[in-house]
C-alpha atoms as a PDB file:
ATOM      1  CA  MET A   1      -0.842  -5.571  -1.431  1.00  0.00           C
ATOM      2  CA  ILE A   2      -1.821  -3.992  -4.740  1.00  0.00           C
ATOM      3  CA  ASP A   3       0.806  -4.203  -7.473  1.00  0.00           C
ATOM      4  CA  ASP A   4       0.735  -5.282 -11.111  1.00  0.00           C
ATOM      5  CA  ASP A   5       4.141  -6.985 -10.823  1.00  0.00           C
ATOM      6  CA  ARG A   6       3.323 -10.535  -9.732  1.00  0.00           C
ATOM      7  CA  GLY A   7       6.925 -11.245  -8.747  1.00  0.00           C
ATOM      8  CA  ILE A   8       6.982  -8.329  -6.328  1.00  0.00           C
ATOM      9  CA  VAL A   9       3.580  -9.318  -4.954  1.00  0.00           C
ATOM     10  CA  LEU A  10       4.757 -12.877  -4.330  1.00  0.00           C
ATOM     11  CA  GLY A  11       7.950 -11.714  -2.617  1.00  0.00           C
ATOM     12  CA  VAL A  12       6.135  -9.227  -0.368  1.00  0.00           C
ATOM     13  CA  GLN A  13       3.393 -11.721   0.401  1.00  0.00           C
ATOM     14  CA  MET A  14       5.902 -14.384   1.441  1.00  0.00           C
ATOM     15  CA  ARG A  15       7.974 -11.966   3.545  1.00  0.00           C
ATOM     16  CA  LEU A  16       4.992 -10.484   5.381  1.00  0.00           C
ATOM     17  CA  ALA A  17       3.337 -13.868   5.887  1.00  0.00           C
ATOM     18  CA  HIS A  18       6.604 -15.148   7.362  1.00  0.00           C
ATOM     19  CA  ALA A  19       6.538 -12.177   9.756  1.00  0.00           C
ATOM     20  CA  GLY A  20       3.037 -13.165  10.878  1.00  0.00           C
ATOM     21  CA  TYR A  21       0.880 -10.848   8.773  1.00  0.00           C
ATOM     22  CA  GLU A  22      -2.172 -11.935   6.804  1.00  0.00           C
ATOM     23  CA  VAL A  23      -1.795 -10.681   3.240  1.00  0.00           C
ATOM     24  CA  HIS A  24      -4.474 -10.226   0.584  1.00  0.00           C
ATOM     25  CA  VAL A  25      -3.403  -9.349  -2.945  1.00  0.00           C
ATOM     26  CA  ALA A  26      -4.743  -7.557  -5.993  1.00  0.00           C
ATOM     27  CA  TYR A  27      -2.992  -6.985  -9.301  1.00  0.00           C
ATOM     28  CA  ASP A  28      -4.575  -3.710 -10.429  1.00  0.00           C
ATOM     29  CA  GLY A  29      -6.202  -0.648  -8.936  1.00  0.00           C
ATOM     30  CA  ALA A  30      -9.822  -1.580  -9.614  1.00  0.00           C
ATOM     31  CA  GLU A  31      -9.361  -5.056  -8.119  1.00  0.00           C
ATOM     32  CA  GLY A  32      -7.531  -3.441  -5.208  1.00  0.00           C
ATOM     33  CA  LEU A  33     -10.420  -1.075  -4.450  1.00  0.00           C
ATOM     34  CA  GLU A  34     -12.816  -4.017  -4.357  1.00  0.00           C
ATOM     35  CA  LEU A  35     -10.446  -5.896  -2.049  1.00  0.00           C
ATOM     36  CA  ILE A  36     -10.095  -2.941   0.325  1.00  0.00           C
ATOM     37  CA  ARG A  37     -13.853  -2.465   0.503  1.00  0.00           C
ATOM     38  CA  SER A  38     -14.542  -6.160   1.113  1.00  0.00           C
ATOM     39  CA  GLU A  39     -11.672  -6.962   3.504  1.00  0.00           C
ATOM     40  CA  ASN A  40     -11.300  -3.637   5.382  1.00  0.00           C
ATOM     41  CA  PRO A  41      -7.528  -4.120   5.833  1.00  0.00           C
ATOM     42  CA  ASP A  42      -5.455  -2.552   8.598  1.00  0.00           C
ATOM     43  CA  LEU A  43      -2.854  -1.428   6.043  1.00  0.00           C
ATOM     44  CA  VAL A  44      -2.511  -1.119   2.260  1.00  0.00           C
ATOM     45  CA  LEU A  45       0.722  -1.570   0.303  1.00  0.00           C
ATOM     46  CA  LEU A  46       0.070   0.197  -2.966  1.00  0.00           C
ATOM     47  CA  ASP A  47       2.178   0.506  -6.111  1.00  0.00           C
ATOM     48  CA  VAL A  48       2.073   3.998  -7.599  1.00  0.00           C
ATOM     49  CA  GLN A  49       2.520   3.088 -11.245  1.00  0.00           C
ATOM     50  CA  MET A  50       0.001   0.582 -12.559  1.00  0.00           C
ATOM     51  CA  PRO A  51      -1.951   0.442 -15.811  1.00  0.00           C
ATOM     52  CA  ASN A  52      -5.580   1.558 -15.899  1.00  0.00           C
ATOM     53  CA  LEU A  53      -6.114   2.813 -12.323  1.00  0.00           C
ATOM     54  CA  ASP A  54      -2.805   3.824 -10.741  1.00  0.00           C
ATOM     55  CA  GLY A  55      -2.044   3.920  -7.032  1.00  0.00           C
ATOM     56  CA  LEU A  56      -2.624   7.654  -6.664  1.00  0.00           C
ATOM     57  CA  ALA A  57      -6.097   7.277  -8.205  1.00  0.00           C
ATOM     58  CA  VAL A  58      -6.842   4.385  -5.836  1.00  0.00           C
ATOM     59  CA  LEU A  59      -5.805   6.479  -2.831  1.00  0.00           C
ATOM     60  CA  LYS A  60      -7.901   9.462  -3.969  1.00  0.00           C
ATOM     61  CA  THR A  61     -10.927   7.234  -4.598  1.00  0.00           C
ATOM     62  CA  LEU A  62     -10.644   5.813  -1.084  1.00  0.00           C
ATOM     63  CA  GLN A  63     -10.298   9.250   0.473  1.00  0.00           C
ATOM     64  CA  ASP A  64     -13.286  10.607  -1.472  1.00  0.00           C
ATOM     65  CA  ASP A  65     -15.586   7.704  -0.540  1.00  0.00           C
ATOM     66  CA  PRO A  66     -17.547   8.582   2.622  1.00  0.00           C
ATOM     67  CA  ASP A  67     -18.471   4.911   3.116  1.00  0.00           C
ATOM     68  CA  THR A  68     -14.857   3.729   3.255  1.00  0.00           C
ATOM     69  CA  VAL A  69     -12.385   4.344   6.053  1.00  0.00           C
ATOM     70  CA  THR A  70      -9.011   4.819   4.406  1.00  0.00           C
ATOM     71  CA  PRO A  71      -6.443   2.562   6.085  1.00  0.00           C
ATOM     72  CA  PRO A  72      -2.798   3.645   6.383  1.00  0.00           C
ATOM     73  CA  VAL A  73      -1.103   3.391   2.997  1.00  0.00           C
ATOM     74  CA  ILE A  74       2.504   2.556   2.177  1.00  0.00           C
ATOM     75  CA  MET A  75       3.155   3.474  -1.433  1.00  0.00           C
ATOM     76  CA  LEU A  76       5.804   1.766  -3.544  1.00  0.00           C
ATOM     77  CA  SER A  77       7.446   2.919  -6.764  1.00  0.00           C
ATOM     78  CA  ALA A  78      10.599   2.509  -8.783  1.00  0.00           C
ATOM     79  CA  SER A  79      10.538   6.262  -9.417  1.00  0.00           C
ATOM     80  CA  LEU A  80      11.850   8.666  -6.803  1.00  0.00           C
ATOM     81  CA  GLN A  81       9.830  11.352  -8.575  1.00  0.00           C
ATOM     82  CA  ASP A  82       6.669   9.714  -7.198  1.00  0.00           C
ATOM     83  CA  ARG A  83       7.805  10.117  -3.583  1.00  0.00           C
ATOM     84  CA  GLN A  84       6.598  13.625  -2.807  1.00  0.00           C
ATOM     85  CA  THR A  85       3.447  13.224  -4.896  1.00  0.00           C
ATOM     86  CA  ALA A  86       2.517  10.073  -2.973  1.00  0.00           C
ATOM     87  CA  LEU A  87       3.192  11.631   0.422  1.00  0.00           C
ATOM     88  CA  ASP A  88       1.274  14.791  -0.528  1.00  0.00           C
ATOM     89  CA  ALA A  89      -1.635  12.590  -1.625  1.00  0.00           C
ATOM     90  CA  GLY A  90      -1.867  11.062   1.849  1.00  0.00           C
ATOM     91  CA  ALA A  91       0.437   8.047   1.850  1.00  0.00           C
ATOM     92  CA  HIS A  92       1.907   7.335   5.287  1.00  0.00           C
ATOM     93  CA  TYR A  93       5.193   6.005   3.911  1.00  0.00           C
ATOM     94  CA  PHE A  94       6.943   5.681   0.597  1.00  0.00           C
ATOM     95  CA  LEU A  95       9.407   2.955  -0.363  1.00  0.00           C
ATOM     96  CA  THR A  96      11.502   3.093  -3.517  1.00  0.00           C
ATOM     97  CA  LYS A  97      11.786  -0.154  -5.486  1.00  0.00           C
ATOM     98  CA  PRO A  98      13.896  -2.127  -5.135  1.00  0.00           C
ATOM     99  CA  TYR A  99      13.776  -1.998  -1.369  1.00  0.00           C
ATOM    100  CA  ARG A 100      15.208  -4.274   1.266  1.00  0.00           C
ATOM    101  CA  SER A 101      12.721  -6.535   2.995  1.00  0.00           C
ATOM    102  CA  SER A 102      13.908  -5.111   6.317  1.00  0.00           C
ATOM    103  CA  ASP A 103      12.848  -1.622   5.139  1.00  0.00           C
ATOM    104  CA  LEU A 104       9.424  -2.978   4.217  1.00  0.00           C
ATOM    105  CA  LEU A 105       9.029  -4.650   7.608  1.00  0.00           C
ATOM    106  CA  ASP A 106      10.195  -1.483   9.385  1.00  0.00           C
ATOM    107  CA  ALA A 107       7.579   0.578   7.525  1.00  0.00           C
ATOM    108  CA  VAL A 108       4.806  -1.928   8.278  1.00  0.00           C
ATOM    109  CA  THR A 109       5.825  -2.174  11.933  1.00  0.00           C
ATOM    110  CA  SER A 110       5.943   1.593  12.317  1.00  0.00           C
ATOM    111  CA  VAL A 111       2.379   1.951  11.007  1.00  0.00           C
ATOM    112  CA  PHE A 112       1.136  -0.378  13.713  1.00  0.00           C
ATOM    113  CA  SER A 113       3.241   1.171  16.466  1.00  0.00           C
ATOM    114  CA  VAL A 114       1.796   4.699  16.094  1.00  0.00           C
ATOM    115  CA  PRO A 115      -0.930   5.200  18.725  1.00  0.00           C
ATOM    116  CA  ALA A 116      -4.369   6.005  17.310  1.00  0.00           C
ATOM    117  CA  GLY A 117      -4.943   9.705  16.792  1.00  0.00           C
ATOM    118  CA  THR A 118      -1.252  10.665  16.707  1.00  0.00           C
ATOM    119  CA  GLY A 119      -0.323   9.767  13.140  1.00  0.00           C
END
């Protein structure tokens, strides 16, 4: 989970941990890139709008790095205008803030239910 809003991070972390997922967190894009490279996560929840290095820049950096396998990415934003941009950039899903925790869990579950090579 990479988001500069600590309240959102805490809520998502608690909800996903309760559902049985291990959650690592970062509060900005640069910290998030380091986390992804060190932890090699199965999924990234990534806020679009963050100061310094935004979510779209993080996604592009991952995709351009030949030494990093880009995990599936669920992008989050309060702006519906970011939706198509995020999906065009390679995000697997987009959730508009505020979102219901059931929508978040559905998106996470769907990432893991797609057989390899079909998504």
